[in-house]
Amino acid sequence: MKAYLSSARIAPKKLAVIAKMVRGLSVPDAISALSRTNKKGARLIEALLKSAMANAEHNDKQDAQMLIVKTIVVNQAQSYRRGVPMARGRSRPLRHFLSHVSLTLGVMDTDEAEEGKGKKRQKTAQKPSQDAKKQVQGSTAAKSRTKKTSSTSTSSPTSSAS
């Protein structure tokens, strides 16, 4: 249940943004999200996703509705080296990057099917608690700084009195 796209004429940075949007979604959700996205990378990944879905249905006899985007990896391919003319006969080098994309589909477990997008909601729910921990650590560090400054201010009058 894999599909590959080699030497796509789009920069990997631009394609990685779309890949991050789709990673971990179910196939119907991913296709609907990609069809609503107005980017060239969305069209390329949508075609790749449909190809991987067809591979899963034909080769492995899987139901397309029960598949999820397990992994999607965007790598840099070769680059075209071009030049733009500048003043005094010079040229500025330009590099047009190409991309390789690898997409793997997996079968959705029954637990994941029941939860739906609940898994992603749990991840976002955990982030504030981690931020709260950092704030608590930051407040304890601030308290320790105030203790150090207060101890140095008390030591200076005693040293001047001696």
N, C-alpha and C. Protein backbone atom coordinates (compact mmCIF):
# COMPACT_ATOMS: atom_id res chain seq x y z
N MET A 1 0.83 -1.17 0.00
CA MET A 1 0.00 0.00 0.00
C MET A 1 0.87 1.24 0.00
N LYS A 2 1.74 1.29 -1.00
CA LYS A 2 2.68 2.40 -1.12
C LYS A 2 2.55 3.03 -2.49
N ALA A 3 3.00 4.27 -2.57
CA ALA A 3 3.08 4.97 -3.85
C ALA A 3 4.25 5.95 -3.76
N TYR A 4 4.93 6.14 -4.87
CA TYR A 4 6.10 7.00 -4.93
C TYR A 4 5.93 8.03 -6.03
N LEU A 5 6.44 9.22 -5.78
CA LEU A 5 6.48 10.27 -6.77
C LEU A 5 7.92 10.73 -6.85
N SER A 6 8.54 10.56 -7.99
CA SER A 6 9.95 10.89 -8.15
C SER A 6 10.12 12.13 -9.00
N SER A 7 11.01 12.99 -8.58
CA SER A 7 11.42 14.19 -9.32
C SER A 7 10.23 15.08 -9.67
N ALA A 8 9.42 15.38 -8.68
CA ALA A 8 8.31 16.31 -8.89
C ALA A 8 8.87 17.72 -8.96
N ARG A 9 8.38 18.52 -9.88
CA ARG A 9 8.93 19.84 -10.12
C ARG A 9 8.32 20.86 -9.15
N ILE A 10 8.60 20.65 -7.86
CA ILE A 10 8.18 21.55 -6.79
C ILE A 10 9.20 21.43 -5.67
N ALA A 11 9.45 22.52 -4.98
CA ALA A 11 10.44 22.52 -3.92
C ALA A 11 9.96 21.67 -2.74
N PRO A 12 10.87 20.98 -2.06
CA PRO A 12 10.48 20.13 -0.94
C PRO A 12 9.85 20.92 0.21
N LYS A 13 10.27 22.15 0.43
CA LYS A 13 9.69 22.96 1.50
C LYS A 13 8.20 23.19 1.26
N LYS A 14 7.85 23.47 0.03
CA LYS A 14 6.46 23.74 -0.31
C LYS A 14 5.62 22.47 -0.19
N LEU A 15 6.20 21.34 -0.55
CA LEU A 15 5.47 20.07 -0.50
C LEU A 15 5.36 19.54 0.92
N ALA A 16 6.35 19.84 1.77
CA ALA A 16 6.34 19.35 3.14
C ALA A 16 5.21 19.96 3.95
N VAL A 17 4.82 21.19 3.64
CA VAL A 17 3.71 21.84 4.34
C VAL A 17 2.41 21.08 4.10
N ILE A 18 2.19 20.67 2.85
CA ILE A 18 0.98 19.93 2.50
C ILE A 18 1.03 18.53 3.09
N ALA A 19 2.22 17.91 3.09
CA ALA A 19 2.36 16.56 3.64
C ALA A 19 2.06 16.55 5.14
N LYS A 20 2.49 17.58 5.84
CA LYS A 20 2.23 17.66 7.28
C LYS A 20 0.74 17.78 7.56
N MET A 21 0.02 18.47 6.66
CA MET A 21 -1.41 18.65 6.83
C MET A 21 -2.16 17.32 6.71
N VAL A 22 -1.67 16.41 5.88
CA VAL A 22 -2.37 15.16 5.56
C VAL A 22 -1.94 14.01 6.45
N ARG A 23 -0.75 14.06 6.99
CA ARG A 23 -0.17 12.94 7.74
C ARG A 23 -1.06 12.55 8.92
N GLY A 24 -1.41 11.24 8.98
CA GLY A 24 -2.19 10.71 10.08
C GLY A 24 -3.70 10.75 9.86
N LEU A 25 -4.17 11.37 8.80
CA LEU A 25 -5.61 11.44 8.54
C LEU A 25 -6.09 10.18 7.84
N SER A 26 -7.39 9.96 7.91
CA SER A 26 -7.97 8.87 7.13
C SER A 26 -8.00 9.30 5.66
N VAL A 27 -8.07 8.34 4.76
CA VAL A 27 -7.99 8.63 3.33
C VAL A 27 -9.13 9.54 2.86
N PRO A 28 -10.40 9.30 3.24
CA PRO A 28 -11.45 10.22 2.79
C PRO A 28 -11.27 11.64 3.32
N ASP A 29 -10.83 11.77 4.58
CA ASP A 29 -10.59 13.10 5.14
C ASP A 29 -9.44 13.79 4.43
N ALA A 30 -8.39 13.03 4.12
CA ALA A 30 -7.23 13.60 3.44
C ALA A 30 -7.59 14.07 2.04
N ILE A 31 -8.37 13.29 1.32
CA ILE A 31 -8.76 13.68 -0.04
C ILE A 31 -9.64 14.93 -0.02
N SER A 32 -10.55 15.00 0.94
CA SER A 32 -11.40 16.19 1.01
C SER A 32 -10.60 17.42 1.41
N ALA A 33 -9.62 17.27 2.32
CA ALA A 33 -8.78 18.39 2.72
C ALA A 33 -7.90 18.86 1.56
N LEU A 34 -7.36 17.91 0.81
CA LEU A 34 -6.51 18.28 -0.31
C LEU A 34 -7.30 18.92 -1.45
N SER A 35 -8.52 18.48 -1.66
CA SER A 35 -9.31 19.06 -2.74
C SER A 35 -9.71 20.50 -2.44
N ARG A 36 -9.77 20.86 -1.16
CA ARG A 36 -10.11 22.22 -0.77
C ARG A 36 -8.89 23.14 -0.66
N THR A 37 -7.69 22.58 -0.78
CA THR A 37 -6.47 23.37 -0.66
C THR A 37 -6.04 23.87 -2.03
N ASN A 38 -5.79 25.16 -2.12
CA ASN A 38 -5.45 25.78 -3.39
C ASN A 38 -3.92 25.90 -3.53
N LYS A 39 -3.27 24.77 -3.71
CA LYS A 39 -1.81 24.72 -3.86
C LYS A 39 -1.46 23.67 -4.90
N LYS A 40 -0.33 23.87 -5.56
CA LYS A 40 0.13 22.88 -6.54
C LYS A 40 0.51 21.58 -5.84
N GLY A 41 1.13 21.68 -4.67
CA GLY A 41 1.52 20.50 -3.91
C GLY A 41 0.33 19.65 -3.50
N ALA A 42 -0.81 20.30 -3.26
CA ALA A 42 -2.02 19.56 -2.89
C ALA A 42 -2.49 18.70 -4.06
N ARG A 43 -2.39 19.22 -5.28
CA ARG A 43 -2.79 18.43 -6.45
C ARG A 43 -1.87 17.22 -6.62
N LEU A 44 -0.56 17.41 -6.40
CA LEU A 44 0.39 16.30 -6.56
C LEU A 44 0.16 15.22 -5.51
N ILE A 45 -0.01 15.63 -4.25
CA ILE A 45 -0.21 14.65 -3.19
C ILE A 45 -1.57 13.99 -3.31
N GLU A 46 -2.56 14.72 -3.79
CA GLU A 46 -3.88 14.12 -4.00
C GLU A 46 -3.82 13.01 -5.04
N ALA A 47 -3.10 13.25 -6.14
CA ALA A 47 -2.95 12.23 -7.16
C ALA A 47 -2.17 11.03 -6.63
N LEU A 48 -1.14 11.31 -5.82
CA LEU A 48 -0.35 10.23 -5.23
C LEU A 48 -1.18 9.42 -4.24
N LEU A 49 -2.03 10.09 -3.48
CA LEU A 49 -2.89 9.41 -2.51
C LEU A 49 -3.92 8.53 -3.23
N LYS A 50 -4.46 9.01 -4.32
CA LYS A 50 -5.41 8.20 -5.09
C LYS A 50 -4.72 6.99 -5.70
N SER A 51 -3.47 7.16 -6.11
CA SER A 51 -2.70 6.04 -6.65
C SER A 51 -2.44 4.98 -5.59
N ALA A 52 -2.06 5.43 -4.38
CA ALA A 52 -1.81 4.49 -3.29
C ALA A 52 -3.11 3.80 -2.89
N MET A 53 -4.22 4.52 -2.93
CA MET A 53 -5.51 3.94 -2.60
C MET A 53 -5.89 2.87 -3.63
N ALA A 54 -5.65 3.14 -4.91
CA ALA A 54 -5.93 2.16 -5.95
C ALA A 54 -5.04 0.94 -5.81
N ASN A 55 -3.77 1.15 -5.44
CA ASN A 55 -2.86 0.03 -5.20
C ASN A 55 -3.37 -0.85 -4.06
N ALA A 56 -3.88 -0.22 -2.99
CA ALA A 56 -4.38 -0.99 -1.85
C ALA A 56 -5.63 -1.77 -2.21
N GLU A 57 -6.51 -1.16 -2.99
CA GLU A 57 -7.74 -1.86 -3.38
C GLU A 57 -7.47 -3.00 -4.34
N HIS A 58 -6.60 -2.77 -5.31
CA HIS A 58 -6.36 -3.78 -6.33
C HIS A 58 -5.43 -4.89 -5.86
N ASN A 59 -4.30 -4.52 -5.26
CA ASN A 59 -3.29 -5.51 -4.90
C ASN A 59 -3.58 -6.21 -3.58
N ASP A 60 -4.03 -5.46 -2.57
CA ASP A 60 -4.22 -6.03 -1.24
C ASP A 60 -5.69 -6.24 -0.87
N LYS A 61 -6.60 -5.89 -1.75
CA LYS A 61 -8.05 -6.06 -1.53
C LYS A 61 -8.51 -5.37 -0.24
N GLN A 62 -8.04 -4.14 -0.04
CA GLN A 62 -8.41 -3.36 1.14
C GLN A 62 -9.56 -2.41 0.82
N ASP A 63 -10.33 -2.05 1.85
CA ASP A 63 -11.39 -1.06 1.70
C ASP A 63 -10.77 0.32 1.86
N ALA A 64 -11.00 1.20 0.90
CA ALA A 64 -10.38 2.53 0.90
C ALA A 64 -10.86 3.38 2.07
N GLN A 65 -12.06 3.13 2.57
CA GLN A 65 -12.60 3.93 3.67
C GLN A 65 -11.93 3.61 5.00
N MET A 66 -11.28 2.47 5.09
CA MET A 66 -10.65 2.05 6.34
C MET A 66 -9.14 2.26 6.34
N LEU A 67 -8.63 3.05 5.41
CA LEU A 67 -7.20 3.29 5.33
C LEU A 67 -6.86 4.66 5.90
N ILE A 68 -5.64 4.77 6.45
CA ILE A 68 -5.14 6.04 6.93
C ILE A 68 -3.79 6.31 6.29
N VAL A 69 -3.39 7.56 6.27
CA VAL A 69 -2.07 7.94 5.75
C VAL A 69 -1.09 7.67 6.87
N LYS A 70 -0.39 6.55 6.76
CA LYS A 70 0.52 6.12 7.82
C LYS A 70 1.78 6.99 7.82
N THR A 71 2.48 7.02 6.70
CA THR A 71 3.66 7.87 6.58
C THR A 71 3.64 8.57 5.24
N ILE A 72 4.16 9.77 5.23
CA ILE A 72 4.38 10.50 3.99
C ILE A 72 5.68 11.26 4.17
N VAL A 73 6.66 10.94 3.33
CA VAL A 73 8.00 11.48 3.46
C VAL A 73 8.33 12.28 2.21
N VAL A 74 8.79 13.51 2.42
CA VAL A 74 9.20 14.37 1.31
C VAL A 74 10.70 14.56 1.39
N ASN A 75 11.40 14.19 0.33
CA ASN A 75 12.85 14.33 0.27
C ASN A 75 13.25 15.22 -0.89
N GLN A 76 14.43 15.78 -0.77
CA GLN A 76 14.94 16.63 -1.84
C GLN A 76 15.56 15.78 -2.92
N ALA A 77 15.22 16.08 -4.16
CA ALA A 77 15.81 15.40 -5.32
C ALA A 77 16.93 16.29 -5.87
N GLN A 78 17.31 16.03 -7.10
CA GLN A 78 18.33 16.87 -7.71
C GLN A 78 17.79 18.28 -7.92
N SER A 79 18.67 19.20 -8.29
CA SER A 79 18.22 20.57 -8.54
C SER A 79 18.73 21.02 -9.90
N TYR A 80 17.91 21.80 -10.58
CA TYR A 80 18.32 22.40 -11.83
C TYR A 80 19.13 23.64 -11.50
N ARG A 81 20.28 23.77 -12.15
CA ARG A 81 21.12 24.94 -11.92
C ARG A 81 20.97 25.88 -13.10
N ARG A 82 20.48 27.06 -12.79
CA ARG A 82 20.25 28.09 -13.80
C ARG A 82 20.97 29.36 -13.37
N GLY A 83 20.95 30.36 -14.23
CA GLY A 83 21.57 31.64 -13.91
C GLY A 83 20.72 32.79 -14.42
N VAL A 84 20.74 33.88 -13.66
CA VAL A 84 20.03 35.09 -14.05
C VAL A 84 21.06 36.15 -14.40
N PRO A 85 20.97 36.75 -15.57
CA PRO A 85 21.95 37.77 -15.95
C PRO A 85 21.89 38.99 -15.03
N MET A 86 23.07 39.51 -14.72
CA MET A 86 23.19 40.71 -13.88
C MET A 86 24.02 41.74 -14.63
N ALA A 87 24.26 42.84 -13.99
CA ALA A 87 25.04 43.92 -14.60
C ALA A 87 26.50 43.50 -14.77
N ARG A 88 27.17 44.14 -15.72
CA ARG A 88 28.61 43.93 -16.00
C ARG A 88 28.93 42.51 -16.41
N GLY A 89 28.00 41.83 -17.04
CA GLY A 89 28.28 40.52 -17.59
C GLY A 89 28.30 39.39 -16.60
N ARG A 90 27.87 39.65 -15.37
CA ARG A 90 27.85 38.59 -14.36
C ARG A 90 26.52 37.85 -14.41
N SER A 91 26.45 36.75 -13.68
CA SER A 91 25.17 36.04 -13.56
C SER A 91 25.02 35.55 -12.13
N ARG A 92 23.79 35.61 -11.67
CA ARG A 92 23.48 35.14 -10.32
C ARG A 92 22.98 33.71 -10.44
N PRO A 93 23.55 32.77 -9.69
CA PRO A 93 23.10 31.37 -9.79
C PRO A 93 21.73 31.19 -9.15
N LEU A 94 20.91 30.36 -9.78
CA LEU A 94 19.61 29.97 -9.26
C LEU A 94 19.54 28.45 -9.23
N ARG A 95 18.91 27.92 -8.20
CA ARG A 95 18.73 26.47 -8.11
C ARG A 95 17.25 26.19 -7.99
N HIS A 96 16.70 25.41 -8.92
CA HIS A 96 15.31 25.00 -8.89
C HIS A 96 15.26 23.58 -8.34
N PHE A 97 14.66 23.43 -7.16
CA PHE A 97 14.69 22.15 -6.48
C PHE A 97 13.55 21.24 -6.93
N LEU A 98 13.81 19.94 -6.92
CA LEU A 98 12.82 18.92 -7.22
C LEU A 98 12.61 18.07 -5.96
N SER A 99 11.53 17.31 -5.94
CA SER A 99 11.18 16.55 -4.73
C SER A 99 10.89 15.09 -5.06
N HIS A 100 11.18 14.23 -4.09
CA HIS A 100 10.74 12.84 -4.10
C HIS A 100 9.74 12.68 -2.95
N VAL A 101 8.63 12.01 -3.20
CA VAL A 101 7.62 11.80 -2.17
C VAL A 101 7.34 10.30 -2.07
N SER A 102 7.28 9.80 -0.83
CA SER A 102 6.96 8.41 -0.56
C SER A 102 5.75 8.39 0.37
N LEU A 103 4.69 7.69 -0.03
CA LEU A 103 3.44 7.65 0.73
C LEU A 103 3.13 6.20 1.08
N THR A 104 2.82 5.95 2.36
CA THR A 104 2.44 4.62 2.81
C THR A 104 1.09 4.71 3.51
N LEU A 105 0.18 3.82 3.12
CA LEU A 105 -1.13 3.75 3.75
C LEU A 105 -1.16 2.58 4.71
N GLY A 106 -1.91 2.73 5.79
CA GLY A 106 -2.08 1.66 6.76
C GLY A 106 -3.56 1.42 7.00
N VAL A 107 -3.87 0.29 7.61
CA VAL A 107 -5.25 -0.06 7.91
C VAL A 107 -5.62 0.53 9.26
N MET A 108 -6.77 1.17 9.31
CA MET A 108 -7.25 1.79 10.54
C MET A 108 -7.75 0.71 11.48
N ASP A 109 -7.31 0.76 12.75
CA ASP A 109 -7.80 -0.17 13.76
C ASP A 109 -9.24 0.18 14.10
N THR A 110 -9.94 -0.76 14.73
CA THR A 110 -11.32 -0.49 15.13
C THR A 110 -11.38 0.58 16.21
N ASP A 111 -10.36 0.63 17.09
CA ASP A 111 -10.31 1.66 18.13
C ASP A 111 -10.15 3.04 17.50
N GLU A 112 -9.27 3.13 16.49
CA GLU A 112 -9.06 4.40 15.83
C GLU A 112 -10.30 4.84 15.07
N ALA A 113 -11.03 3.89 14.51
CA ALA A 113 -12.23 4.23 13.76
C ALA A 113 -13.29 4.81 14.69
N GLU A 114 -13.37 4.29 15.91
CA GLU A 114 -14.34 4.80 16.87
C GLU A 114 -13.94 6.17 17.38
N GLU A 115 -12.64 6.36 17.63
CA GLU A 115 -12.16 7.64 18.15
C GLU A 115 -12.21 8.73 17.08
N GLY A 116 -11.92 8.36 15.84
CA GLY A 116 -11.91 9.35 14.76
C GLY A 116 -10.75 10.31 14.94
N LYS A 117 -11.08 11.56 15.07
CA LYS A 117 -10.05 12.58 15.26
C LYS A 117 -9.76 12.83 16.72
N GLY A 118 -10.29 12.03 17.60
CA GLY A 118 -10.07 12.20 19.03
C GLY A 118 -8.60 12.09 19.39
N LYS A 119 -7.86 11.33 18.63
CA LYS A 119 -6.44 11.15 18.89
C LYS A 119 -5.70 12.48 18.74
N LYS A 120 -6.03 13.23 17.70
CA LYS A 120 -5.38 14.52 17.51
C LYS A 120 -5.82 15.52 18.57
N ARG A 121 -7.04 15.42 19.02
CA ARG A 121 -7.52 16.32 20.06
C ARG A 121 -6.80 16.05 21.37
N GLN A 122 -6.46 14.79 21.65
CA GLN A 122 -5.73 14.49 22.87
C GLN A 122 -4.36 15.13 22.83
N LYS A 123 -3.71 15.10 21.69
CA LYS A 123 -2.39 15.70 21.58
C LYS A 123 -2.44 17.19 21.86
N THR A 124 -3.43 17.87 21.33
CA THR A 124 -3.53 19.30 21.57
C THR A 124 -3.94 19.58 23.01
N ALA A 125 -4.67 18.67 23.63
CA ALA A 125 -5.07 18.87 25.02
C ALA A 125 -3.87 18.71 25.95
N GLN A 126 -2.86 17.93 25.56
CA GLN A 126 -1.70 17.72 26.40
C GLN A 126 -0.76 18.91 26.36
N LYS A 127 -0.77 19.68 25.30
CA LYS A 127 0.18 20.78 25.17
C LYS A 127 0.03 21.84 26.26
N PRO A 128 -1.19 22.25 26.63
CA PRO A 128 -1.27 23.25 27.70
C PRO A 128 -0.70 22.75 29.02
N SER A 129 -0.85 21.47 29.32
CA SER A 129 -0.30 20.96 30.57
C SER A 129 1.22 21.01 30.54
N GLN A 130 1.82 20.77 29.38
CA GLN A 130 3.28 20.88 29.27
C GLN A 130 3.70 22.33 29.39
N ASP A 131 2.91 23.24 28.81
CA ASP A 131 3.22 24.65 28.95
C ASP A 131 3.09 25.09 30.40
N ALA A 132 2.11 24.54 31.09
CA ALA A 132 1.92 24.87 32.50
C ALA A 132 3.13 24.41 33.31
N LYS A 133 3.67 23.24 32.97
CA LYS A 133 4.86 22.76 33.66
C LYS A 133 6.03 23.71 33.45
N LYS A 134 6.17 24.20 32.22
CA LYS A 134 7.27 25.14 31.92
C LYS A 134 7.09 26.43 32.69
N GLN A 135 5.83 26.90 32.82
CA GLN A 135 5.58 28.12 33.56
C GLN A 135 5.91 27.94 35.03
N VAL A 136 5.58 26.76 35.58
CA VAL A 136 5.90 26.48 36.99
C VAL A 136 7.41 26.44 37.16
N GLN A 137 8.11 25.80 36.24
CA GLN A 137 9.56 25.75 36.32
C GLN A 137 10.15 27.14 36.19
N GLY A 138 9.57 27.94 35.31
CA GLY A 138 10.04 29.31 35.13
C GLY A 138 9.82 30.15 36.37
N SER A 139 8.70 29.96 37.07
CA SER A 139 8.42 30.73 38.28
C SER A 139 9.37 30.31 39.40
N THR A 140 9.72 29.02 39.50
CA THR A 140 10.68 28.59 40.52
C THR A 140 12.06 29.14 40.22
N ALA A 141 12.41 29.22 38.92
CA ALA A 141 13.70 29.80 38.56
C ALA A 141 13.72 31.28 38.90
N ALA A 142 12.60 31.96 38.71
CA ALA A 142 12.53 33.38 39.04
C ALA A 142 12.65 33.59 40.55
N LYS A 143 12.04 32.70 41.34
CA LYS A 143 12.13 32.80 42.79
C LYS A 143 13.57 32.60 43.24
N SER A 144 14.28 31.65 42.62
CA SER A 144 15.66 31.41 43.01
C SER A 144 16.53 32.61 42.64
N ARG A 145 16.22 33.28 41.54
CA ARG A 145 16.97 34.48 41.16
C ARG A 145 16.74 35.60 42.17
N THR A 146 15.50 35.76 42.62
CA THR A 146 15.21 36.81 43.59
C THR A 146 15.89 36.53 44.92
N LYS A 147 16.00 35.26 45.29
CA LYS A 147 16.70 34.90 46.52
C LYS A 147 18.17 35.24 46.42
N LYS A 148 18.77 34.98 45.24
CA LYS A 148 20.18 35.28 45.05
C LYS A 148 20.43 36.78 45.12
N THR A 149 19.56 37.55 44.49
CA THR A 149 19.76 39.00 44.49
C THR A 149 19.53 39.57 45.88
N SER A 150 18.58 39.01 46.63
CA SER A 150 18.34 39.51 47.99
C SER A 150 19.50 39.13 48.90
N SER A 151 20.10 37.97 48.69
CA SER A 151 21.23 37.57 49.53
C SER A 151 22.44 38.43 49.24
N THR A 152 22.65 38.83 47.99
CA THR A 152 23.78 39.69 47.67
C THR A 152 23.55 41.10 48.19
N SER A 153 22.30 41.56 48.22
CA SER A 153 22.02 42.91 48.75
C SER A 153 22.19 42.93 50.26
N THR A 154 21.90 41.85 50.96
CA THR A 154 22.09 41.82 52.40
C THR A 154 23.56 41.67 52.76
N SER A 155 24.33 41.02 51.89
CA SER A 155 25.73 40.84 52.22
C SER A 155 26.52 42.10 52.00
N SER A 156 26.09 42.99 51.12
CA SER A 156 26.86 44.20 50.85
C SER A 156 26.85 45.17 52.05
N PRO A 157 25.73 45.36 52.78
CA PRO A 157 25.80 46.25 53.96
C PRO A 157 26.68 45.68 55.08
N THR A 158 26.69 44.35 55.23
CA THR A 158 27.51 43.76 56.29
C THR A 158 28.98 43.91 55.96
N SER A 159 29.32 43.80 54.66
CA SER A 159 30.74 43.94 54.30
C SER A 159 31.19 45.38 54.43
N SER A 160 30.29 46.36 54.19
CA SER A 160 30.67 47.74 54.33
C SER A 160 30.78 48.13 55.83
N ALA A 161 30.02 47.47 56.68
CA ALA A 161 30.06 47.76 58.13
C ALA A 161 31.32 47.21 58.74
N SER A 162 31.95 46.20 58.21
CA SER A 162 33.15 45.60 58.78
C SER A 162 34.33 46.39 58.55
